[in-house]
N, C-alpha and C. Protein backbone atom coordinates (compact mmCIF):
# COMPACT_ATOMS: atom_id res chain seq x y z
N MET A 1 -15.11 -30.92 163.18
CA MET A 1 -14.03 -30.10 162.72
C MET A 1 -14.11 -30.02 161.24
N GLN A 2 -13.98 -28.92 160.66
CA GLN A 2 -14.04 -28.67 159.17
C GLN A 2 -12.61 -28.38 158.76
N LEU A 3 -12.28 -29.31 157.95
CA LEU A 3 -10.79 -29.23 157.08
C LEU A 3 -10.76 -28.09 156.04
N ASP A 4 -9.84 -27.18 156.35
CA ASP A 4 -9.78 -25.86 155.71
C ASP A 4 -8.81 -25.77 154.75
N ASN A 5 -7.99 -26.93 154.48
CA ASN A 5 -6.92 -26.80 153.41
C ASN A 5 -6.91 -28.08 152.70
N THR A 6 -6.17 -28.21 151.72
CA THR A 6 -6.13 -29.50 150.74
C THR A 6 -5.23 -30.36 151.49
N PRO A 7 -5.63 -31.59 151.70
CA PRO A 7 -4.64 -32.71 152.34
C PRO A 7 -3.63 -33.26 151.36
N TRP A 8 -2.27 -33.33 152.05
CA TRP A 8 -1.34 -33.73 151.23
C TRP A 8 -1.27 -35.13 151.23
N PHE A 9 -1.28 -35.93 152.40
CA PHE A 9 -0.70 -37.36 152.37
C PHE A 9 -2.08 -38.19 152.89
N VAL A 10 -3.20 -37.74 153.19
CA VAL A 10 -4.08 -38.49 153.63
C VAL A 10 -5.34 -38.78 152.50
N ARG A 11 -5.61 -40.08 152.51
CA ARG A 11 -6.57 -40.47 151.33
C ARG A 11 -8.12 -40.28 152.06
N GLY A 12 -9.00 -40.00 151.13
CA GLY A 12 -10.48 -40.24 151.31
C GLY A 12 -11.11 -38.90 152.18
N VAL A 13 -10.21 -37.79 152.20
CA VAL A 13 -10.76 -36.55 152.54
C VAL A 13 -10.29 -35.56 151.73
N ALA A 14 -11.07 -34.46 151.79
CA ALA A 14 -10.79 -33.27 150.98
C ALA A 14 -11.33 -31.95 151.56
N CYS A 15 -10.69 -30.81 151.26
CA CYS A 15 -11.09 -29.70 151.68
C CYS A 15 -12.52 -29.43 151.96
N GLY A 16 -12.93 -28.93 153.11
CA GLY A 16 -14.23 -28.60 153.31
C GLY A 16 -15.12 -29.74 154.11
N ASP A 17 -14.30 -30.87 154.10
CA ASP A 17 -15.26 -32.09 154.72
C ASP A 17 -15.08 -31.80 156.25
N VAL A 18 -16.13 -32.29 156.97
CA VAL A 18 -16.37 -32.19 158.22
C VAL A 18 -16.02 -33.69 158.89
N LEU A 19 -15.04 -33.60 159.87
CA LEU A 19 -14.52 -34.79 160.32
C LEU A 19 -14.92 -34.71 161.92
N VAL A 20 -15.09 -35.93 162.36
CA VAL A 20 -15.08 -36.13 163.90
C VAL A 20 -13.55 -36.08 164.39
N THR A 21 -13.40 -35.41 165.72
CA THR A 21 -12.16 -35.36 166.02
C THR A 21 -12.15 -36.44 167.54
N HIS A 22 -10.97 -36.74 167.88
CA HIS A 22 -10.87 -37.31 169.08
C HIS A 22 -9.63 -36.86 169.98
N PRO A 23 -9.67 -36.36 171.12
CA PRO A 23 -8.30 -36.00 171.65
C PRO A 23 -7.67 -37.31 172.30
N ASP A 24 -6.30 -37.09 172.27
CA ASP A 24 -5.41 -38.22 172.63
C ASP A 24 -5.17 -37.77 174.37
N GLU A 25 -4.60 -38.77 175.14
CA GLU A 25 -4.25 -38.57 176.43
C GLU A 25 -3.79 -37.31 176.96
N GLU A 26 -2.98 -36.58 175.84
CA GLU A 26 -2.40 -35.14 176.26
C GLU A 26 -3.19 -34.16 175.69
N GLY A 27 -4.62 -34.18 175.20
CA GLY A 27 -5.33 -33.38 174.73
C GLY A 27 -5.18 -32.83 173.42
N VAL A 28 -4.31 -33.55 172.31
CA VAL A 28 -4.09 -33.19 171.17
C VAL A 28 -5.19 -33.97 170.26
N LEU A 29 -5.85 -33.20 169.37
CA LEU A 29 -7.07 -33.50 168.70
C LEU A 29 -6.47 -34.22 167.60
N TRP A 30 -7.07 -35.39 167.20
CA TRP A 30 -6.69 -36.12 166.08
C TRP A 30 -7.98 -36.44 165.27
N ALA A 31 -7.78 -36.30 163.97
CA ALA A 31 -8.88 -36.55 163.14
C ALA A 31 -9.35 -37.99 162.86
N GLY A 32 -10.69 -37.99 162.99
CA GLY A 32 -11.13 -39.58 162.58
C GLY A 32 -11.91 -39.50 161.20
N HIS A 33 -13.23 -40.01 161.12
CA HIS A 33 -13.75 -40.30 159.96
C HIS A 33 -14.61 -38.98 159.38
N VAL A 34 -15.04 -38.84 158.30
CA VAL A 34 -15.70 -37.91 157.64
C VAL A 34 -17.11 -38.09 157.98
N VAL A 35 -17.72 -37.19 158.55
CA VAL A 35 -19.16 -37.19 158.89
C VAL A 35 -20.12 -36.12 157.85
N GLU A 36 -19.48 -35.27 157.21
CA GLU A 36 -20.10 -34.46 156.34
C GLU A 36 -19.18 -34.14 155.08
N PRO A 37 -19.37 -35.01 153.96
CA PRO A 37 -18.42 -34.53 152.88
C PRO A 37 -18.75 -33.37 152.19
N SER A 38 -17.79 -32.74 151.68
CA SER A 38 -17.89 -31.30 151.06
C SER A 38 -18.23 -31.63 149.29
N GLN A 39 -17.97 -32.71 149.03
CA GLN A 39 -18.32 -32.89 147.45
C GLN A 39 -17.11 -32.51 146.87
N ASN A 40 -15.93 -32.02 147.22
CA ASN A 40 -14.79 -31.48 146.69
C ASN A 40 -13.87 -32.72 146.42
N CYS A 41 -13.12 -32.58 145.48
CA CYS A 41 -12.05 -33.80 145.30
C CYS A 41 -10.65 -33.38 145.52
N THR A 42 -9.74 -34.40 146.04
CA THR A 42 -8.51 -33.95 146.27
C THR A 42 -7.55 -35.00 145.11
N ILE A 43 -6.91 -34.12 144.40
CA ILE A 43 -6.16 -34.80 143.47
C ILE A 43 -4.66 -34.27 143.62
N ARG A 44 -3.87 -35.17 143.79
CA ARG A 44 -2.29 -34.91 144.05
C ARG A 44 -1.35 -35.25 142.73
N LEU A 45 -0.54 -34.14 142.48
CA LEU A 45 0.29 -34.48 141.38
C LEU A 45 1.70 -34.31 141.70
N VAL A 46 2.66 -35.34 141.28
CA VAL A 46 4.06 -34.99 141.46
C VAL A 46 4.56 -34.56 140.07
N VAL A 47 4.93 -33.33 140.17
CA VAL A 47 5.57 -32.45 138.81
C VAL A 47 6.80 -32.99 138.32
N SER A 48 6.84 -33.36 137.14
CA SER A 48 8.13 -33.82 136.48
C SER A 48 8.88 -32.75 135.76
N ARG A 49 7.88 -31.90 135.31
CA ARG A 49 8.59 -30.78 134.38
C ARG A 49 9.29 -30.09 135.34
N ASP A 50 10.66 -29.87 134.74
CA ASP A 50 11.86 -28.84 135.36
C ASP A 50 12.01 -29.49 136.88
N LYS A 51 11.88 -30.79 137.16
CA LYS A 51 11.99 -31.44 138.33
C LYS A 51 11.18 -30.79 139.59
N GLY A 52 9.85 -30.48 139.02
CA GLY A 52 9.02 -30.05 140.14
C GLY A 52 9.44 -28.70 140.54
N SER A 53 9.97 -27.68 139.89
CA SER A 53 10.54 -26.47 140.48
C SER A 53 9.44 -25.51 140.89
N GLY A 54 9.69 -24.66 141.53
CA GLY A 54 8.59 -23.70 141.85
C GLY A 54 7.85 -22.99 140.88
N ALA A 55 8.57 -22.64 139.64
CA ALA A 55 7.86 -22.08 138.47
C ALA A 55 6.98 -23.32 137.82
N ALA A 56 7.46 -24.52 137.73
CA ALA A 56 6.76 -25.66 137.13
C ALA A 56 5.59 -25.74 137.89
N ARG A 57 5.61 -25.99 139.36
CA ARG A 57 4.37 -26.11 140.14
C ARG A 57 3.59 -24.98 140.07
N GLN A 58 4.03 -23.70 140.14
CA GLN A 58 3.18 -22.54 139.85
C GLN A 58 2.36 -22.48 138.36
N SER A 59 2.94 -22.97 137.38
CA SER A 59 2.33 -23.24 136.07
C SER A 59 1.22 -24.24 136.14
N VAL A 60 1.53 -25.41 137.01
CA VAL A 60 0.31 -26.25 136.92
C VAL A 60 -0.72 -25.59 137.81
N LEU A 61 -0.54 -24.84 138.91
CA LEU A 61 -1.51 -24.24 139.73
C LEU A 61 -2.37 -23.25 138.63
N ASN A 62 -1.62 -22.53 137.91
CA ASN A 62 -2.47 -21.54 137.15
C ASN A 62 -3.08 -21.94 136.09
N ALA A 63 -2.74 -23.28 135.48
CA ALA A 63 -3.61 -23.96 134.52
C ALA A 63 -4.83 -24.52 134.96
N PHE A 64 -4.70 -24.96 136.14
CA PHE A 64 -5.98 -25.56 136.80
C PHE A 64 -6.90 -24.45 137.42
N ALA A 65 -6.24 -23.17 137.81
CA ALA A 65 -6.97 -22.12 138.28
C ALA A 65 -8.05 -21.56 137.30
N GLU A 66 -7.52 -21.66 135.95
CA GLU A 66 -8.34 -21.31 134.84
C GLU A 66 -9.81 -22.16 134.68
N LEU A 67 -9.70 -23.44 135.40
CA LEU A 67 -10.92 -24.14 135.33
C LEU A 67 -11.45 -24.05 136.47
N GLY A 68 -11.16 -23.43 137.48
CA GLY A 68 -11.78 -23.18 138.79
C GLY A 68 -11.49 -23.84 139.75
N VAL A 69 -10.04 -24.60 139.72
CA VAL A 69 -9.71 -25.46 140.80
C VAL A 69 -8.45 -24.84 141.55
N GLY A 70 -8.46 -24.87 142.86
CA GLY A 70 -7.57 -24.30 143.57
C GLY A 70 -6.51 -25.42 144.09
N GLY A 71 -5.59 -24.82 144.67
CA GLY A 71 -4.53 -25.61 145.13
C GLY A 71 -3.38 -25.19 145.79
N GLU A 72 -2.48 -25.82 146.15
CA GLU A 72 -1.13 -25.43 146.46
C GLU A 72 0.05 -26.43 146.30
N GLY A 73 1.20 -25.93 146.16
CA GLY A 73 2.36 -26.56 146.10
C GLY A 73 3.24 -26.90 147.32
N ILE A 74 4.11 -27.73 147.07
CA ILE A 74 5.04 -28.01 148.13
C ILE A 74 6.23 -28.45 147.53
N GLU A 75 7.32 -27.45 148.02
CA GLU A 75 8.51 -27.71 147.32
C GLU A 75 9.38 -28.87 147.66
N ARG A 76 9.28 -29.58 148.82
CA ARG A 76 9.99 -30.59 149.29
C ARG A 76 9.71 -31.78 148.47
N PHE A 77 8.68 -32.14 147.88
CA PHE A 77 8.18 -33.12 147.23
C PHE A 77 8.04 -32.84 145.76
N GLY A 78 8.17 -31.56 145.58
CA GLY A 78 7.75 -31.29 144.03
C GLY A 78 6.43 -31.38 143.62
N MET A 79 5.39 -31.35 144.68
CA MET A 79 4.08 -31.79 144.39
C MET A 79 3.05 -30.51 144.49
N VAL A 80 1.81 -30.92 143.77
CA VAL A 80 0.76 -30.03 143.80
C VAL A 80 -0.39 -30.67 144.24
N ALA A 81 -1.06 -30.13 145.23
CA ALA A 81 -2.49 -30.76 145.43
C ALA A 81 -3.44 -30.10 145.26
N LEU A 82 -4.44 -30.48 144.42
CA LEU A 82 -5.35 -29.70 143.85
C LEU A 82 -6.94 -29.88 144.65
N ASP A 83 -7.53 -28.82 144.99
CA ASP A 83 -8.82 -28.96 145.40
C ASP A 83 -9.94 -28.75 144.37
N VAL A 84 -10.55 -29.78 143.91
CA VAL A 84 -11.62 -29.51 142.93
C VAL A 84 -13.06 -29.55 143.29
N PRO A 85 -13.39 -28.40 143.25
CA PRO A 85 -14.97 -28.21 143.77
C PRO A 85 -15.93 -28.70 142.75
N PRO A 86 -17.19 -29.27 143.43
CA PRO A 86 -18.08 -29.87 142.59
C PRO A 86 -18.65 -29.14 141.37
N GLU A 87 -18.71 -27.65 141.50
CA GLU A 87 -19.18 -26.84 140.34
C GLU A 87 -18.12 -26.71 139.07
N ALA A 88 -16.83 -27.16 139.34
CA ALA A 88 -15.95 -27.13 138.27
C ALA A 88 -16.43 -28.26 137.14
N ASP A 89 -15.93 -27.88 135.94
CA ASP A 89 -16.37 -28.98 134.91
C ASP A 89 -15.18 -30.11 134.99
N LEU A 90 -15.88 -31.07 135.68
CA LEU A 90 -14.80 -32.09 135.98
C LEU A 90 -14.33 -32.87 134.75
N ALA A 91 -15.15 -33.02 133.70
CA ALA A 91 -14.59 -33.61 132.57
C ALA A 91 -13.39 -32.91 132.03
N ARG A 92 -13.53 -31.69 132.02
CA ARG A 92 -12.30 -30.72 131.48
C ARG A 92 -11.13 -30.88 132.50
N VAL A 93 -11.38 -30.66 133.57
CA VAL A 93 -10.29 -30.95 134.54
C VAL A 93 -9.54 -32.36 134.38
N GLN A 94 -10.44 -33.50 134.15
CA GLN A 94 -9.86 -34.71 134.08
C GLN A 94 -9.07 -34.76 132.66
N ARG A 95 -9.66 -34.08 131.70
CA ARG A 95 -8.94 -34.14 130.34
C ARG A 95 -7.47 -33.50 130.70
N LEU A 96 -7.46 -32.34 131.19
CA LEU A 96 -6.18 -31.82 131.52
C LEU A 96 -5.34 -32.61 132.24
N LEU A 97 -5.82 -33.24 133.37
CA LEU A 97 -4.92 -34.20 134.17
C LEU A 97 -4.49 -35.49 133.28
N ASP A 98 -5.14 -35.96 132.39
CA ASP A 98 -4.88 -36.98 131.71
C ASP A 98 -3.92 -36.57 130.57
N HIS A 99 -4.01 -35.40 130.00
CA HIS A 99 -3.11 -34.69 128.98
C HIS A 99 -1.66 -34.64 129.84
N GLY A 100 -1.56 -34.15 130.83
CA GLY A 100 -0.39 -33.96 131.65
C GLY A 100 0.36 -35.17 132.04
N VAL A 101 -0.44 -36.44 132.23
CA VAL A 101 0.28 -37.66 132.39
C VAL A 101 0.83 -38.07 131.22
N VAL A 102 0.11 -38.14 130.30
CA VAL A 102 0.45 -38.56 128.94
C VAL A 102 1.73 -37.68 128.35
N GLN A 103 1.69 -36.39 128.56
CA GLN A 103 2.81 -35.58 128.33
C GLN A 103 4.29 -35.55 129.08
N GLU A 104 4.02 -36.53 130.34
CA GLU A 104 4.91 -36.82 131.65
C GLU A 104 5.29 -35.54 132.15
N TRP A 105 4.07 -34.69 132.26
CA TRP A 105 4.40 -33.44 133.10
C TRP A 105 4.17 -33.61 134.59
N TRP A 106 3.40 -34.59 134.76
CA TRP A 106 3.14 -35.04 136.38
C TRP A 106 2.76 -36.44 136.25
N ASP A 107 2.61 -37.02 137.50
CA ASP A 107 2.08 -38.15 137.87
C ASP A 107 1.07 -37.74 138.66
N MET A 108 -0.04 -38.77 138.71
CA MET A 108 -1.40 -38.13 139.46
C MET A 108 -1.86 -39.36 140.32
N GLU A 109 -2.41 -38.76 141.40
CA GLU A 109 -3.17 -39.64 142.45
C GLU A 109 -4.55 -39.01 142.60
N GLU A 110 -5.52 -39.89 142.82
CA GLU A 110 -6.74 -39.34 142.92
C GLU A 110 -6.93 -39.84 144.60
N GLY A 111 -6.84 -38.68 145.39
CA GLY A 111 -6.73 -38.71 146.89
C GLY A 111 -8.27 -38.97 147.39
N CYS A 112 -9.09 -38.07 146.83
CA CYS A 112 -10.52 -38.22 147.34
C CYS A 112 -11.36 -37.98 146.11
N ILE A 113 -12.26 -38.90 145.72
CA ILE A 113 -12.99 -38.33 144.46
C ILE A 113 -14.59 -38.72 145.02
N THR A 114 -15.27 -38.30 144.32
CA THR A 114 -16.93 -38.18 144.42
C THR A 114 -17.39 -39.08 143.34
N ASP A 115 -18.87 -39.36 143.58
CA ASP A 115 -19.50 -40.09 142.66
C ASP A 115 -19.51 -39.13 141.23
N ALA A 116 -19.79 -37.85 141.48
CA ALA A 116 -19.78 -37.02 140.34
C ALA A 116 -18.40 -37.12 139.53
N TRP A 117 -17.32 -37.16 140.14
CA TRP A 117 -16.05 -37.49 139.60
C TRP A 117 -16.07 -38.67 138.67
N ARG A 118 -16.47 -39.89 139.45
CA ARG A 118 -16.47 -40.92 138.62
C ARG A 118 -17.52 -40.88 137.41
N ALA A 119 -18.54 -40.22 137.56
CA ALA A 119 -19.58 -40.26 136.46
C ALA A 119 -19.03 -39.41 135.38
N ALA A 120 -18.20 -38.30 135.56
CA ALA A 120 -17.51 -37.60 134.52
C ALA A 120 -16.51 -38.19 133.80
N ARG A 121 -15.75 -39.28 134.73
CA ARG A 121 -14.75 -40.09 134.05
C ARG A 121 -15.39 -41.12 133.08
N SER A 122 -16.60 -41.62 133.55
CA SER A 122 -17.16 -42.47 132.55
C SER A 122 -18.01 -42.14 131.29
N GLY A 123 -18.43 -40.67 131.49
CA GLY A 123 -19.16 -40.12 130.51
C GLY A 123 -18.71 -39.78 129.35
């Protein structure tokens, strides 16, 4: 099964990853481990600005869209989940993420990162 959205609460998986699935006794499919990584990164933000309002979440999504990064927001938790493709300028994305943390616009979690992400961080 190929994951077709940005995961909200699962670590180690990203949009586009291919996962093994296993049916339970009722036939419901449950995701297993990644068999073919997409090389996308999943970054989750808890938006602090304006208490994570819809407008604040949308402004975050708009800022990252300019860097070629997709994502979506969730009202209940005031969060944004970013889907960072491998062709994005990872260093620029990281600089914006770090800037937002310093400015207290959001808190950040790296839900699923790649070797390219780590290399951009250390470079």
